Amino acid sequence: MKIPKKTKAAFIRGFGDFDVIKYEDIDTPTPKPGHILVKVLAAGVNRLDHYIREGSLGVELSFPHILGTDASGEVAKLGEEVTGFEIGERVIILPGYPQKLNETDIRPTIAAPSFALPGLHISGTYTQYMQVPSYALIKDTTGLNPEEVATLPVALATAVHALRQIGKVKKGDKVLIHSGASGSGSMQIQVARAIGAEVATTIRSDAKGEFAKKIGANLVINTSKEDFVEVIKKWTKDQGADVIIDNLAGDVLPKSIEATRPMGKIVAFGFAAGPEVSFDIRSLFFAQKRLCGSMASDPEDLQFGLELLRQGKIKPVVDQVFPLSQAKDAHRLIASNKVTGNVVLLPWKS
């Protein structure tokens, strides 16, 4: 495989609105020992990328900075000391991994001192070529096309982590997932159903409600017409949900606490409705409800999710595909909250 000296990438030189994303040539990386040069066939776009670009995470970056956490690709070149991979082999990049080999056994993975998310702590996937430690790659045996695979790593692994590891969801549980038509929410619905839970979800339009039903939601709540607390209480015979995955925060999270049963769990997964939250502690305190955060995932979470995929219990959902040169338009779509499923960038499409 002939490797060009220059590669296209979408990156930022500072925080800001959509126009801070630049699409230019950069030097093609040379893989270090133990690393692999991956030809990125497709890169997923997550709301996390939007937060990083606008600077709302409060994380310092070294600019210029390449965005993107998700990618599917193929092996383009092997660095020294790499074994077990072949040129042209399809691979999936783990959605977060330690930078030091001796920390790869630490669990949760995010507790490793050198843990990094591509696109946040280290250079990301919005590029034609990127170098990745060989231990941060798994072989792609899904049989799916690259754009479908690119929707999986973050959404699938974090859904499994939030539901199984943090929420401890089990068969028969009643689970509420907010923003069920989003990339994260739609995957969380599928994983929860695959585990055996009954799933309610919130949406804001009838069209998104139909989509949520198609991917497995038992109950769809249009919050532009209904109070989800009242609907959940009725659905659970006034008990409340066993687990709520709150992708919104803001003024929604206090209501999520109210809609949770005594001893139930609220898993804070995002802040699309705003990062500032205020609630009466008594609503948590007296009923011994548990509020937990869920961030990142372990390799085992992705493997578990991929097994569900192989069993046909979940499917990737691609909403729109853009060439990498239109990364700013993809971000604009993500920020509009009009996405049904996932958005993908194709680095090799003009």
Protein backbone atom coordinates (compact mmCIF):
# COMPACT_ATOMS: atom_id res chain seq x y z
CA MET A 1 0.00 0.00 0.00
CA LYS A 2 1.52 3.30 -1.10
CA ILE A 3 1.38 5.93 1.65
CA PRO A 4 1.27 9.61 0.58
CA LYS A 5 3.47 12.16 2.35
CA LYS A 6 0.48 14.42 3.02
CA THR A 7 -2.95 13.54 4.34
CA LYS A 8 -6.21 15.47 4.63
CA ALA A 9 -7.53 16.27 8.10
CA ALA A 10 -10.24 18.34 9.79
CA PHE A 11 -8.91 20.17 12.84
CA ILE A 12 -9.24 23.26 15.02
CA ARG A 13 -6.67 25.91 15.96
CA GLY A 14 -8.84 27.22 18.76
CA PHE A 15 -12.28 26.83 20.34
CA GLY A 16 -15.35 28.37 18.76
CA ASP A 17 -18.31 27.99 16.43
CA PHE A 18 -18.52 25.68 13.43
CA ASP A 19 -16.21 27.75 11.24
CA VAL A 20 -13.18 27.06 13.47
CA ILE A 21 -13.01 23.62 11.83
CA LYS A 22 -10.37 23.70 9.08
CA TYR A 23 -9.82 21.14 6.34
CA GLU A 24 -6.22 21.09 5.19
CA ASP A 25 -3.19 18.94 4.41
CA ILE A 26 -0.98 17.71 7.23
CA ASP A 27 2.03 15.42 7.28
CA THR A 28 1.11 11.73 7.19
CA PRO A 29 2.23 10.15 10.49
CA THR A 30 4.98 7.54 10.56
CA PRO A 31 4.03 4.73 12.97
CA LYS A 32 6.27 4.45 16.01
CA PRO A 33 7.39 1.06 17.35
CA GLY A 34 4.35 -0.85 18.61
CA HIS A 35 2.00 1.37 16.57
CA ILE A 36 0.01 0.91 13.38
CA LEU A 37 -0.76 3.46 10.68
CA VAL A 38 -4.51 3.16 10.07
CA LYS A 39 -6.18 4.33 6.89
CA VAL A 40 -9.41 5.84 8.22
CA LEU A 41 -12.29 4.68 6.03
CA ALA A 42 -15.02 6.41 8.04
CA ALA A 43 -15.15 8.59 11.15
CA GLY A 44 -18.18 8.91 13.41
CA VAL A 45 -19.35 12.30 14.66
CA ASN A 46 -20.47 12.47 18.30
CA ARG A 47 -21.96 15.25 20.40
CA LEU A 48 -18.74 15.03 22.42
CA ASP A 49 -16.91 16.34 19.34
CA HIS A 50 -19.25 19.36 19.35
CA TYR A 51 -18.52 20.04 23.02
CA ILE A 52 -14.78 19.77 22.42
CA ARG A 53 -14.90 22.14 19.45
CA GLU A 54 -16.86 24.83 21.29
CA GLY A 55 -14.67 24.51 24.40
CA SER A 56 -17.47 23.71 26.84
CA LEU A 57 -15.62 20.79 28.46
CA GLY A 58 -13.07 23.07 30.12
CA VAL A 59 -10.19 20.93 28.85
CA GLU A 60 -6.96 22.50 27.63
CA LEU A 61 -5.83 21.33 24.19
CA SER A 62 -2.62 21.63 22.23
CA PHE A 63 -3.49 23.29 18.90
CA PRO A 64 -3.84 22.50 16.08
CA HIS A 65 -6.03 19.63 17.26
CA ILE A 66 -7.68 16.90 15.17
CA LEU A 67 -11.20 16.06 16.37
CA GLY A 68 -12.98 12.70 16.36
CA THR A 69 -13.18 9.65 18.61
CA ASP A 70 -14.86 7.04 16.38
CA ALA A 71 -13.32 5.36 13.35
CA SER A 72 -13.31 2.26 11.21
CA GLY A 73 -10.33 1.65 9.00
CA GLU A 74 -7.74 -0.69 7.62
CA VAL A 75 -4.10 -1.39 8.41
CA ALA A 76 -1.90 0.72 6.13
CA LYS A 77 1.55 0.25 7.68
CA LEU A 78 3.02 -1.65 10.63
CA GLY A 79 5.47 -0.05 13.02
CA GLU A 80 8.38 -2.04 14.39
CA GLU A 81 7.58 -4.76 16.93
CA VAL A 82 3.96 -5.09 15.78
CA THR A 83 2.63 -8.62 15.29
CA GLY A 84 -0.79 -10.13 14.72
CA PHE A 85 -1.98 -7.68 12.06
CA GLU A 86 -1.70 -7.66 8.27
CA ILE A 87 -1.68 -4.84 5.73
CA GLY A 88 -5.20 -4.20 4.43
CA GLU A 89 -6.91 -5.84 7.42
CA ARG A 90 -10.07 -4.07 8.60
CA VAL A 91 -9.86 -2.70 12.16
CA ILE A 92 -11.84 -0.73 14.75
CA ILE A 93 -10.15 1.81 17.00
CA LEU A 94 -11.03 1.52 20.70
CA PRO A 95 -12.93 4.59 21.92
CA GLY A 96 -10.34 5.49 24.57
CA TYR A 97 -7.25 3.70 25.81
CA PRO A 98 -4.14 4.19 28.00
CA GLN A 99 -1.06 5.58 26.29
CA LYS A 100 1.17 3.20 28.22
CA LEU A 101 1.19 -0.54 27.53
CA ASN A 102 1.68 -1.42 31.21
CA GLU A 103 -1.63 0.29 32.10
CA THR A 104 -3.88 -1.61 29.69
CA ASP A 105 -5.07 -4.05 32.37
CA ILE A 106 -6.37 -1.30 34.69
CA ARG A 107 -10.16 -1.31 35.16
CA PRO A 108 -12.07 0.81 34.75
CA THR A 109 -9.86 1.85 31.84
CA ILE A 110 -10.52 5.52 32.52
CA ALA A 111 -8.69 5.11 35.87
CA ALA A 112 -5.40 4.51 34.05
CA PRO A 113 -3.20 7.62 34.57
CA SER A 114 -2.40 7.78 30.84
CA PHE A 115 -5.99 7.15 29.64
CA ALA A 116 -6.87 9.24 26.61
CA LEU A 117 -9.80 9.69 24.26
CA PRO A 118 -8.90 10.26 20.61
CA GLY A 119 -10.15 13.68 19.61
CA LEU A 120 -9.95 14.97 23.18
CA HIS A 121 -6.70 14.15 24.95
CA ILE A 122 -4.87 13.01 21.81
CA SER A 123 -5.14 13.49 18.04
CA GLY A 124 -8.43 12.19 16.67
CA THR A 125 -10.07 10.39 13.78
CA TYR A 126 -11.07 13.23 11.41
CA THR A 127 -8.21 12.39 9.08
CA GLN A 128 -7.22 10.04 6.27
CA TYR A 129 -4.39 8.42 8.24
CA MET A 130 -3.66 8.15 11.96
CA GLN A 131 -1.25 6.12 14.06
CA VAL A 132 -2.67 3.99 16.86
CA PRO A 133 -1.03 1.63 19.38
CA SER A 134 -1.59 -1.93 18.21
CA TYR A 135 -3.21 -2.81 21.55
CA ALA A 136 -5.86 -0.13 20.89
CA LEU A 137 -7.12 -1.86 17.75
CA ILE A 138 -9.50 -4.79 17.39
CA LYS A 139 -10.12 -6.69 14.18
CA ASP A 140 -13.33 -5.78 12.40
CA THR A 141 -15.30 -9.00 11.89
CA THR A 142 -18.71 -7.30 11.70
CA GLY A 143 -19.11 -7.62 7.93
CA LEU A 144 -20.66 -4.14 7.89
CA ASN A 145 -19.64 -1.29 5.63
CA PRO A 146 -17.16 1.25 7.08
CA GLU A 147 -19.72 4.01 7.72
CA GLU A 148 -21.92 1.65 9.75
CA VAL A 149 -18.94 0.43 11.77
CA ALA A 150 -17.84 4.02 12.45
CA THR A 151 -21.09 4.64 14.36
CA LEU A 152 -20.38 1.83 16.82
CA PRO A 153 -17.32 2.28 19.09
CA VAL A 154 -18.34 5.21 21.30
CA ALA A 155 -22.13 4.79 21.20
CA LEU A 156 -22.09 1.02 21.64
CA ALA A 157 -19.34 0.71 24.24
CA THR A 158 -20.57 3.61 26.39
CA ALA A 159 -24.16 2.34 26.20
CA VAL A 160 -23.06 -1.06 27.48
CA HIS A 161 -20.94 0.58 30.18
CA ALA A 162 -23.71 2.93 31.35
CA LEU A 163 -26.40 0.26 31.39
CA ARG A 164 -24.50 -2.84 32.61
CA GLN A 165 -21.58 -1.53 34.64
CA ILE A 166 -23.01 1.67 36.12
CA GLY A 167 -26.79 1.20 35.99
CA LYS A 168 -26.65 -2.59 36.68
CA VAL A 169 -29.67 -3.01 34.41
CA LYS A 170 -31.07 -6.54 34.36
CA LYS A 171 -33.84 -8.45 32.66
CA GLY A 172 -37.29 -7.14 33.58
CA ASP A 173 -36.11 -3.69 34.73
CA LYS A 174 -38.06 -0.65 33.61
CA VAL A 175 -35.58 1.82 32.12
CA LEU A 176 -36.10 5.38 30.89
CA ILE A 177 -33.67 6.69 28.29
CA HIS A 178 -33.77 10.36 27.43
CA SER A 179 -33.31 11.62 23.87
CA GLY A 180 -33.94 8.22 22.35
CA ALA A 181 -33.54 9.29 18.72
CA SER A 182 -30.00 10.59 19.21
CA GLY A 183 -26.91 8.55 18.36
CA SER A 184 -26.31 7.66 22.01
CA GLY A 185 -29.96 7.28 22.95
CA SER A 186 -30.83 5.04 20.01
CA MET A 187 -27.99 2.68 20.87
CA GLN A 188 -28.90 2.70 24.57
CA ILE A 189 -32.45 1.66 23.69
CA GLN A 190 -31.18 -1.29 21.67
CA VAL A 191 -28.69 -2.43 24.30
CA ALA A 192 -31.25 -2.14 27.11
CA ARG A 193 -33.74 -4.22 25.14
CA ALA A 194 -31.04 -6.78 24.33
CA ILE A 195 -30.34 -7.12 28.07
CA GLY A 196 -34.05 -7.80 28.61
CA ALA A 197 -35.26 -4.50 30.04
CA GLU A 198 -38.51 -2.73 29.23
CA VAL A 199 -37.61 0.66 27.78
CA ALA A 200 -39.32 4.03 27.78
CA THR A 201 -37.76 6.97 25.96
CA THR A 202 -38.31 10.68 25.54
CA ILE A 203 -38.37 12.46 22.18
CA ARG A 204 -39.62 15.84 20.96
CA SER A 205 -41.39 15.04 17.69
CA ASP A 206 -43.74 12.38 16.37
CA ALA A 207 -41.30 11.46 13.61
CA LYS A 208 -38.57 10.72 16.15
CA GLY A 209 -41.14 8.78 18.15
CA GLU A 210 -41.78 6.45 15.23
CA PHE A 211 -38.04 5.93 14.87
CA ALA A 212 -37.70 5.10 18.58
CA LYS A 213 -40.49 2.52 18.31
CA LYS A 214 -38.80 0.87 15.31
CA ILE A 215 -35.57 0.34 17.24
CA GLY A 216 -37.35 -1.23 20.19
CA ALA A 217 -38.74 1.35 22.64
CA ASN A 218 -41.75 -0.05 24.53
CA LEU A 219 -43.01 3.40 25.45
CA VAL A 220 -42.37 6.71 23.68
CA ILE A 221 -42.98 10.00 25.48
CA ASN A 222 -43.20 13.19 23.43
CA THR A 223 -42.06 15.80 25.96
CA SER A 224 -43.44 18.63 23.83
CA LYS A 225 -46.89 17.25 24.67
CA GLU A 226 -46.50 15.19 27.87
CA ASP A 227 -44.85 15.36 31.30
CA PHE A 228 -42.51 12.40 31.35
CA VAL A 229 -42.64 12.13 35.16
CA GLU A 230 -46.39 11.58 35.09
CA VAL A 231 -46.16 9.10 32.22
CA ILE A 232 -43.38 7.10 33.91
CA LYS A 233 -45.24 6.98 37.21
CA LYS A 234 -48.31 5.63 35.41
CA TRP A 235 -46.18 3.12 33.42
CA THR A 236 -44.60 1.80 36.62
CA LYS A 237 -47.78 1.83 38.72
CA ASP A 238 -46.54 4.85 40.66
CA GLN A 239 -43.20 3.24 41.58
CA GLY A 240 -40.83 5.04 39.23
CA ALA A 241 -38.22 3.73 36.80
CA ASP A 242 -35.57 1.30 38.03
CA VAL A 243 -32.87 3.11 36.06
CA ILE A 244 -32.85 6.36 34.10
CA ILE A 245 -30.14 7.18 31.57
CA ASP A 246 -30.12 10.97 31.52
CA ASN A 247 -28.48 12.28 28.35
CA LEU A 248 -29.74 15.81 28.93
CA ALA A 249 -29.02 17.19 32.45
CA GLY A 250 -29.97 20.89 32.76
CA ASP A 251 -33.54 21.28 34.01
CA VAL A 252 -34.35 17.67 33.02
CA LEU A 253 -32.17 15.89 35.59
CA PRO A 254 -34.20 17.03 38.65
CA LYS A 255 -37.29 15.57 36.99
CA SER A 256 -35.37 12.37 36.26
CA ILE A 257 -34.68 12.03 39.98
CA GLU A 258 -38.39 12.51 40.65
CA ALA A 259 -39.25 9.81 38.08
CA THR A 260 -36.92 7.21 39.64
CA ARG A 261 -38.17 4.64 42.14
CA PRO A 262 -36.81 4.49 45.71
CA MET A 263 -33.32 2.90 45.64
CA GLY A 264 -33.26 3.36 41.87
CA LYS A 265 -30.42 4.83 39.81
CA ILE A 266 -30.05 7.93 37.69
CA VAL A 267 -27.07 7.67 35.33
CA ALA A 268 -25.83 11.08 34.20
CA PHE A 269 -24.56 10.51 30.68
CA GLY A 270 -24.52 13.95 29.04
CA PHE A 271 -25.60 17.56 29.26
CA ALA A 272 -27.35 18.44 25.99
CA ALA A 273 -29.84 20.52 28.00
CA GLY A 274 -27.07 22.33 29.90
CA PRO A 275 -24.26 21.52 32.36
CA GLU A 276 -25.73 23.40 35.34
CA VAL A 277 -28.16 21.41 37.50
CA SER A 278 -30.10 22.39 40.61
CA PHE A 279 -32.35 20.07 42.62
CA ASP A 280 -33.79 19.52 46.08
CA ILE A 281 -31.45 17.01 47.76
CA ARG A 282 -34.38 15.58 49.69
CA SER A 283 -35.72 14.01 46.49
CA LEU A 284 -32.55 11.90 46.40
CA PHE A 285 -31.86 11.60 50.12
CA PHE A 286 -35.02 10.20 51.67
CA ALA A 287 -35.71 7.57 48.99
CA GLN A 288 -32.03 6.57 48.87
CA LYS A 289 -31.83 7.07 45.13
CA ARG A 290 -28.38 6.95 43.53
CA LEU A 291 -27.02 9.51 41.08
CA CYS A 292 -24.01 8.23 39.14
CA GLY A 293 -21.93 9.54 36.27
CA SER A 294 -20.92 7.36 33.34
CA MET A 295 -17.98 8.34 31.17
CA ALA A 296 -15.99 6.31 28.62
CA SER A 297 -15.89 2.49 28.59
CA ASP A 298 -13.71 -0.60 28.84
CA PRO A 299 -12.63 -2.82 25.91
CA GLU A 300 -14.87 -5.55 27.30
CA ASP A 301 -17.89 -3.25 26.93
CA LEU A 302 -17.24 -2.92 23.20
CA GLN A 303 -16.68 -6.66 22.83
CA PHE A 304 -19.96 -7.36 24.65
CA GLY A 305 -21.76 -4.93 22.36
CA LEU A 306 -20.22 -6.41 19.23
CA GLU A 307 -21.43 -9.85 20.32
CA LEU A 308 -24.97 -8.43 20.57
CA LEU A 309 -24.45 -7.10 17.05
CA ARG A 310 -23.36 -10.52 15.78
CA GLN A 311 -26.48 -12.02 17.39
CA GLY A 312 -28.62 -9.55 15.46
CA LYS A 313 -29.92 -7.89 18.63
CA ILE A 314 -28.69 -4.40 17.72
CA LYS A 315 -28.06 -2.55 14.47
CA PRO A 316 -26.09 0.60 13.64
CA VAL A 317 -28.22 3.55 12.55
CA VAL A 318 -26.71 5.99 10.06
CA ASP A 319 -28.62 9.24 9.60
CA GLN A 320 -26.38 11.27 7.28
CA VAL A 321 -22.96 10.89 5.69
CA PHE A 322 -20.68 13.83 4.82
CA PRO A 323 -17.28 14.04 3.15
CA LEU A 324 -14.57 15.01 5.67
CA SER A 325 -14.31 18.40 3.95
CA GLN A 326 -17.80 19.18 5.27
CA ALA A 327 -17.05 18.39 8.92
CA LYS A 328 -18.35 21.81 9.98
CA ASP A 329 -21.74 20.99 8.39
CA ALA A 330 -21.83 17.69 10.25
CA HIS A 331 -21.21 19.57 13.51
CA ARG A 332 -23.93 22.05 12.65
CA LEU A 333 -26.36 19.16 12.19
CA ILE A 334 -25.35 17.53 15.49
CA ALA A 335 -25.84 20.83 17.34
CA SER A 336 -29.31 21.30 15.81
CA ASN A 337 -30.63 18.21 17.64
CA LYS A 338 -32.27 17.10 14.38
CA VAL A 339 -30.26 13.90 14.07
CA THR A 340 -32.01 10.54 14.02
CA GLY A 341 -29.24 8.05 14.70
CA ASN A 342 -25.64 8.85 13.79
CA VAL A 343 -23.62 11.14 11.54
CA VAL A 344 -20.51 9.91 9.70
CA LEU A 345 -17.59 11.53 7.85
CA LEU A 346 -15.87 9.90 4.88
CA PRO A 347 -12.21 11.04 4.65
CA TRP A 348 -11.73 9.74 1.09
CA LYS A 349 -14.91 11.17 -0.44
CA SER A 350 -14.54 14.51 -2.26
